[in-house]
Amino acid sequence: MKIEMTNASACRLSLRRSLFAVAAIVLPMMELSACATPAEAPLAAPRAILGAVKVRVSDLERAVNFYQQVFGLEQVGTFDLMHPPGSGRRLREAALKPRDPDRPRAETLDIFRDTLILMQRADGTPYEAPDDLANLVIMVPDVDAAARAARALGGAALAPPIEIAPGLRLIFLRDPDGNVVECVEAR
């Protein structure tokens, strides 16, 4: 019986060998750590799911329009709430999600998953200028088109698009409130 090896099966075999090599190194270490006292033992991290990202804005309606027009997000809810509860500070929020006609309605209404929430203080008091080190990352089909749309709606491109790897381009934009949005295009 002759066995032919395809690239896929060669990759699987290589992966299996790598996993066995890692197991040979890691398993003895695990046995040692099993002897550690509870205070020394590492904590098991719970499985986390990224929920919503909240962005501070000064004009909620303008910001909703910007993110709808530049990134094709749809507004799925608005909220007027006390934040944090009992603080006396009121916020107006708008929840936006990527448009997806195949997404079940119940999932669209789950505002704590895959959601951008824009926040404005209800009394109109402005937030301090955003920090450039914190930014939102949005995958887009075309960074050039995103930059043109952002400029047309009061935003700005911080620099021309760059190619960071073959088929992977990005550009940093500012929304009208000065928040930095990193747009990534993967071809």
Protein backbone atom coordinates (compact mmCIF):
# COMPACT_ATOMS: atom_id res chain seq x y z
CA MET A 1 0.00 0.00 0.00
CA LYS A 2 1.42 3.36 -1.07
CA ILE A 3 0.64 6.48 0.96
CA GLU A 4 0.89 9.87 -0.74
CA MET A 5 1.40 12.86 1.47
CA THR A 6 -0.31 16.12 0.48
CA ASN A 7 0.82 19.51 1.73
CA ALA A 8 -2.13 19.50 4.15
CA SER A 9 -1.26 16.11 5.61
CA ALA A 10 2.42 17.08 5.84
CA CYS A 11 1.38 20.20 7.75
CA ARG A 12 -0.82 18.14 10.09
CA LEU A 13 2.05 15.73 10.72
CA SER A 14 4.44 18.63 11.39
CA LEU A 15 1.87 20.20 13.74
CA ARG A 16 1.43 16.90 15.62
CA ARG A 17 5.21 16.57 16.04
CA SER A 18 5.39 20.15 17.30
CA LEU A 19 2.57 19.55 19.78
CA PHE A 20 4.29 16.41 21.10
CA ALA A 21 7.55 18.37 21.48
CA VAL A 22 5.74 21.13 23.40
CA ALA A 23 3.95 18.55 25.56
CA ALA A 24 7.29 16.92 26.41
CA ILE A 25 8.53 20.26 27.74
CA VAL A 26 5.32 21.57 29.33
CA LEU A 27 3.97 18.44 31.07
CA PRO A 28 6.93 18.06 33.45
CA MET A 29 6.61 21.75 34.34
CA MET A 30 2.90 21.28 35.02
CA GLU A 31 3.68 18.44 37.43
CA LEU A 32 6.03 20.76 39.35
CA SER A 33 3.46 23.55 39.48
CA ALA A 34 0.85 21.08 40.75
CA CYS A 35 2.97 20.80 43.90
CA ALA A 36 2.85 24.55 44.47
CA THR A 37 0.88 25.95 47.36
CA PRO A 38 -2.47 27.60 46.46
CA ALA A 39 -0.94 31.07 46.92
CA GLU A 40 1.75 30.24 44.33
CA ALA A 41 -0.51 28.44 41.85
CA PRO A 42 -1.57 30.47 38.78
CA LEU A 43 -5.23 31.41 38.56
CA ALA A 44 -7.30 29.91 35.76
CA ALA A 45 -8.61 32.75 33.59
CA PRO A 46 -12.30 32.57 32.71
CA ARG A 47 -13.22 32.50 29.03
CA ALA A 48 -13.84 36.11 28.12
CA ILE A 49 -15.82 37.59 25.24
CA LEU A 50 -15.15 41.14 24.14
CA GLY A 51 -18.32 43.12 24.55
CA ALA A 52 -18.92 46.74 23.67
CA VAL A 53 -16.43 49.55 23.20
CA LYS A 54 -17.50 52.95 24.57
CA VAL A 55 -16.27 56.19 22.99
CA ARG A 56 -16.79 59.67 24.47
CA VAL A 57 -18.27 62.27 22.12
CA SER A 58 -19.45 65.88 22.45
CA ASP A 59 -22.29 65.74 19.90
CA LEU A 60 -24.10 62.40 19.86
CA GLU A 61 -26.09 62.98 16.66
CA ARG A 62 -23.00 64.14 14.73
CA ALA A 63 -20.99 61.16 15.99
CA VAL A 64 -23.74 58.66 15.07
CA ASN A 65 -23.88 60.13 11.57
CA PHE A 66 -20.06 59.96 11.26
CA TYR A 67 -19.82 56.27 12.25
CA GLN A 68 -22.83 55.35 10.10
CA GLN A 69 -21.51 57.12 7.00
CA VAL A 70 -17.81 56.24 7.31
CA PHE A 71 -18.07 52.67 8.60
CA GLY A 72 -21.59 51.55 7.65
CA LEU A 73 -22.66 50.91 11.24
CA GLU A 74 -26.36 50.92 12.09
CA GLN A 75 -27.88 52.40 15.22
CA VAL A 76 -29.64 49.72 17.26
CA GLY A 77 -30.52 51.68 20.38
CA THR A 78 -30.33 54.91 22.37
CA PHE A 79 -30.19 55.24 26.12
CA ASP A 80 -30.50 58.01 28.68
CA LEU A 81 -29.03 56.71 31.90
CA MET A 82 -27.20 57.42 35.14
CA HIS A 83 -23.57 56.32 34.86
CA PRO A 84 -22.27 54.89 37.09
CA PRO A 85 -25.54 54.09 38.86
CA GLY A 86 -26.14 56.42 41.79
CA SER A 87 -23.45 58.92 40.69
CA GLY A 88 -25.86 61.68 39.68
CA ARG A 89 -24.17 61.92 36.26
CA ARG A 90 -26.49 61.39 33.33
CA LEU A 91 -25.31 60.14 29.94
CA ARG A 92 -26.91 59.83 26.55
CA GLU A 93 -25.67 56.81 24.63
CA ALA A 94 -26.21 55.42 21.15
CA ALA A 95 -25.39 51.80 20.32
CA LEU A 96 -24.14 50.98 16.80
CA LYS A 97 -23.37 47.61 15.21
CA PRO A 98 -22.08 46.38 11.87
CA ARG A 99 -24.91 45.93 9.36
CA ASP A 100 -25.57 42.24 8.80
CA PRO A 101 -28.85 41.09 7.22
CA ASP A 102 -28.06 37.50 8.23
CA ARG A 103 -27.75 38.36 11.92
CA PRO A 104 -30.77 37.27 13.97
CA ARG A 105 -32.71 40.19 15.49
CA ALA A 106 -32.07 38.93 19.05
CA GLU A 107 -28.30 39.07 18.40
CA THR A 108 -28.60 42.57 16.94
CA LEU A 109 -30.27 43.73 20.15
CA ASP A 110 -27.49 42.25 22.32
CA ILE A 111 -25.76 45.58 22.91
CA PHE A 112 -22.94 44.06 24.89
CA ARG A 113 -21.43 42.16 21.94
CA ASP A 114 -19.75 43.52 18.84
CA THR A 115 -21.03 47.04 19.57
CA LEU A 116 -19.72 50.59 19.49
CA ILE A 117 -21.42 52.77 22.11
CA LEU A 118 -21.06 56.53 21.71
CA MET A 119 -21.44 58.46 24.99
CA GLN A 120 -22.29 62.12 25.53
CA ARG A 121 -22.80 63.81 28.88
CA ALA A 122 -26.48 64.71 29.13
CA ASP A 123 -25.66 68.24 30.33
CA GLY A 124 -23.36 68.83 27.35
CA THR A 125 -20.20 69.24 29.46
CA PRO A 126 -17.30 68.31 27.18
CA TYR A 127 -14.87 65.51 27.96
CA GLU A 128 -11.16 66.25 28.09
CA ALA A 129 -9.22 65.72 24.86
CA PRO A 130 -8.79 62.02 24.06
CA ASP A 131 -5.42 60.33 24.52
CA ASP A 132 -3.76 59.29 21.24
CA LEU A 133 -2.54 56.07 22.84
CA ALA A 134 -6.07 54.72 23.15
CA ASN A 135 -7.88 54.09 19.90
CA LEU A 136 -10.63 52.13 18.28
CA VAL A 137 -9.73 49.60 15.54
CA ILE A 138 -12.24 48.95 12.74
CA MET A 139 -11.76 46.56 9.83
CA VAL A 140 -12.78 48.20 6.54
CA PRO A 141 -12.82 47.00 2.93
CA ASP A 142 -10.96 50.12 1.68
CA VAL A 143 -8.89 52.47 3.87
CA ASP A 144 -8.77 55.13 1.15
CA ALA A 145 -12.58 55.27 0.95
CA ALA A 146 -12.81 55.43 4.77
CA ALA A 147 -10.37 58.38 4.79
CA ARG A 148 -12.34 60.25 2.10
CA ALA A 149 -15.61 59.72 3.96
CA ALA A 150 -14.06 60.78 7.28
CA ARG A 151 -12.73 64.02 5.78
CA ALA A 152 -16.13 64.78 4.22
CA LEU A 153 -17.83 64.39 7.60
CA GLY A 154 -15.50 66.52 9.72
CA GLY A 155 -12.88 63.91 10.54
CA ALA A 156 -9.26 63.78 9.41
CA ALA A 157 -6.55 61.37 8.32
CA LEU A 158 -3.49 61.60 10.57
CA ALA A 159 -1.14 60.35 7.84
CA PRO A 160 -1.40 58.58 4.46
CA PRO A 161 -2.28 54.85 4.49
CA ILE A 162 0.63 52.48 5.04
CA GLU A 163 1.15 48.83 4.09
CA ILE A 164 2.40 47.00 7.17
CA ALA A 165 2.54 43.57 5.48
CA PRO A 166 1.62 42.24 2.04
CA GLY A 167 -2.14 42.76 1.66
CA LEU A 168 -2.51 44.53 5.02
CA ARG A 169 -2.96 48.32 4.97
CA LEU A 170 -3.94 50.73 7.71
CA ILE A 171 -4.64 54.37 8.27
CA PHE A 172 -5.24 56.38 11.44
CA LEU A 173 -8.23 58.73 11.34
CA ARG A 174 -9.70 61.20 13.82
CA ASP A 175 -13.44 61.45 14.26
CA PRO A 176 -14.97 64.95 14.72
CA ASP A 177 -14.41 64.67 18.51
CA GLY A 178 -10.71 63.87 18.11
CA ASN A 179 -11.00 60.15 18.90
CA VAL A 180 -8.43 58.10 16.97
CA VAL A 181 -9.80 55.33 14.76
CA GLU A 182 -7.32 52.84 13.31
CA CYS A 183 -8.75 51.47 10.05
CA VAL A 184 -7.35 48.15 8.84
CA GLU A 185 -7.83 46.77 5.33
CA ALA A 186 -6.92 43.12 4.67
CA ARG A 187 -6.86 41.96 1.06
